[in-house]
Structures are given as C-alpha cells and as structure tokens.
Protein backbone atom coordinates (compact mmCIF):
# COMPACT_ATOMS: atom_id res chain seq x y z
CA MET A 1 -3.10 -2.48 16.27
CA VAL A 2 -2.39 -4.28 13.08
CA ARG A 3 0.18 -3.71 10.42
CA MET A 4 -0.85 -4.75 6.64
CA PHE A 5 1.84 -5.26 4.30
CA VAL A 6 1.96 -5.22 0.32
CA ARG A 7 4.26 -6.32 -2.39
CA HIS A 8 3.93 -5.80 -6.30
CA LYS A 9 5.78 -4.71 -8.72
CA VAL A 10 4.92 -1.22 -10.37
CA ASN A 11 5.79 0.21 -14.22
CA ASP A 12 7.52 3.19 -13.25
CA TYR A 13 8.57 3.80 -9.42
CA ALA A 14 8.62 7.61 -9.66
CA VAL A 15 5.14 8.04 -10.97
CA TRP A 16 4.52 5.34 -8.27
CA ARG A 17 5.08 7.48 -6.13
CA LYS A 18 3.31 10.48 -7.35
CA ALA A 19 0.06 8.47 -7.04
CA TYR A 20 1.05 6.94 -3.55
CA ASP A 21 1.82 10.46 -2.25
CA ASP A 22 -0.97 12.15 -3.98
CA PHE A 23 -3.36 9.79 -2.16
CA ASP A 24 -1.95 10.28 1.23
CA GLY A 25 -4.88 12.00 2.77
CA GLU A 26 -7.28 9.76 1.25
CA ARG A 27 -5.67 7.06 2.56
CA ASN A 28 -5.77 8.40 6.53
CA GLY A 29 -9.62 8.60 5.98
CA LEU A 30 -9.77 5.01 5.38
CA GLY A 31 -7.55 4.22 8.62
CA VAL A 32 -4.45 3.69 7.99
CA LYS A 33 -2.70 5.52 11.01
CA GLY A 34 1.65 5.19 9.59
CA ASP A 35 2.73 4.32 6.56
CA ALA A 36 6.29 3.50 4.76
CA VAL A 37 7.33 2.42 1.47
CA PHE A 38 11.03 0.15 0.72
CA GLN A 39 12.48 -0.57 -3.02
CA ALA A 40 14.17 -3.75 -3.74
CA VAL A 41 17.45 -3.30 -3.63
CA ASP A 42 18.01 -5.36 -7.02
CA ASP A 43 14.99 -3.67 -8.49
CA PRO A 44 13.33 -0.49 -8.01
CA ASN A 45 9.94 -0.99 -9.05
CA ASP A 46 10.05 -3.68 -6.71
CA VAL A 47 7.39 -2.18 -3.87
CA THR A 48 6.96 -3.05 -0.36
CA ALA A 49 4.71 -0.73 1.46
CA TRP A 50 3.42 -1.82 5.45
CA HIS A 51 0.67 1.02 6.64
CA ASP A 52 -1.07 0.53 10.75
CA PHE A 53 -4.75 0.28 11.69
CA GLU A 54 -6.26 0.11 14.35
CA THR A 55 -7.94 -3.47 13.90
CA VAL A 56 -7.72 -5.83 11.64
CA GLU A 57 -10.87 -5.28 10.18
CA ALA A 58 -9.91 -1.71 8.99
CA ALA A 59 -6.85 -2.95 7.21
CA GLN A 60 -9.33 -5.56 5.51
CA SER A 61 -11.49 -2.84 4.37
CA PHE A 62 -8.81 -0.73 2.97
CA ALA A 63 -7.39 -3.78 1.37
CA GLY A 64 -9.86 -4.61 -0.20
CA SER A 65 -11.54 -1.18 -1.18
CA ASP A 66 -12.76 -0.45 -4.82
CA ARG A 67 -10.84 3.51 -4.45
CA LEU A 68 -7.56 1.84 -3.41
CA LYS A 69 -7.36 -0.60 -6.45
CA GLU A 70 -8.66 2.57 -8.75
CA VAL A 71 -5.78 4.25 -7.05
CA MET A 72 -3.09 1.30 -7.86
CA LYS A 73 -4.13 0.74 -11.13
CA GLY A 74 -3.48 4.62 -12.20
CA ALA A 75 0.04 4.38 -10.22
CA GLY A 76 0.66 1.53 -12.58
CA VAL A 77 1.33 -1.74 -10.56
CA SER A 78 2.16 -4.07 -12.73
CA SER A 79 1.59 -7.23 -10.87
CA ALA A 80 -0.80 -8.75 -8.24
CA PRO A 81 -0.24 -7.73 -4.79
CA ASP A 82 0.80 -9.64 -1.99
CA ILE A 83 -1.24 -8.78 0.91
CA TRP A 84 -0.51 -9.99 4.62
CA PHE A 85 -1.66 -8.50 7.65
CA THR A 86 0.79 -8.74 11.04
CA ASN A 87 0.33 -7.97 14.97
CA PRO A 88 2.90 -6.50 16.86
CA THR A 89 4.60 -8.80 19.43
C-alpha cells in the first residue's frame, strides 16, 4: 500500500469540496483505495488530502493524470500542489 499526500490552497473550500466529492467515483476508478481530507486550523482554504493506492506506480499515474488536473482547476485550486508518497511502516 502507498499513501499519497497532497496539499494546496483553494479559493473556496465549499466549492472545492463539492468538486472533490463529485469526483469520488472517477477517483476510485483511477485506483484510489481510500482517502481523507483535512483543513488547516488557521486557514480553511489550506487543504491536505491523502489517497491510498496498491502501488507507487498507480499513485504516480493518478497524480499526473490530465483528468485530475482538469478537476483541480475547475475546483478552484489556487496554488501548485505539494505532493509526496509514503509507505506504511
């Protein structure tokens, strides 16, 4: 199992969250096995999410997908995402 973390700013959390939730079925079809979303305590538009995948290749493919970029743009992501991959220990 590989966990991908992504952190970015959004223009409006409510708008972003709706787009995130609407993308759920597609996200699962792109290999996501589990996910969660967090907001910074001092800035609700500073969002961190994690997504679990079977392999690092699946995670990297998802992170680089044109469809994900399209959804993020439409959701109002306002900063370049900071993305990293981890293995459970």
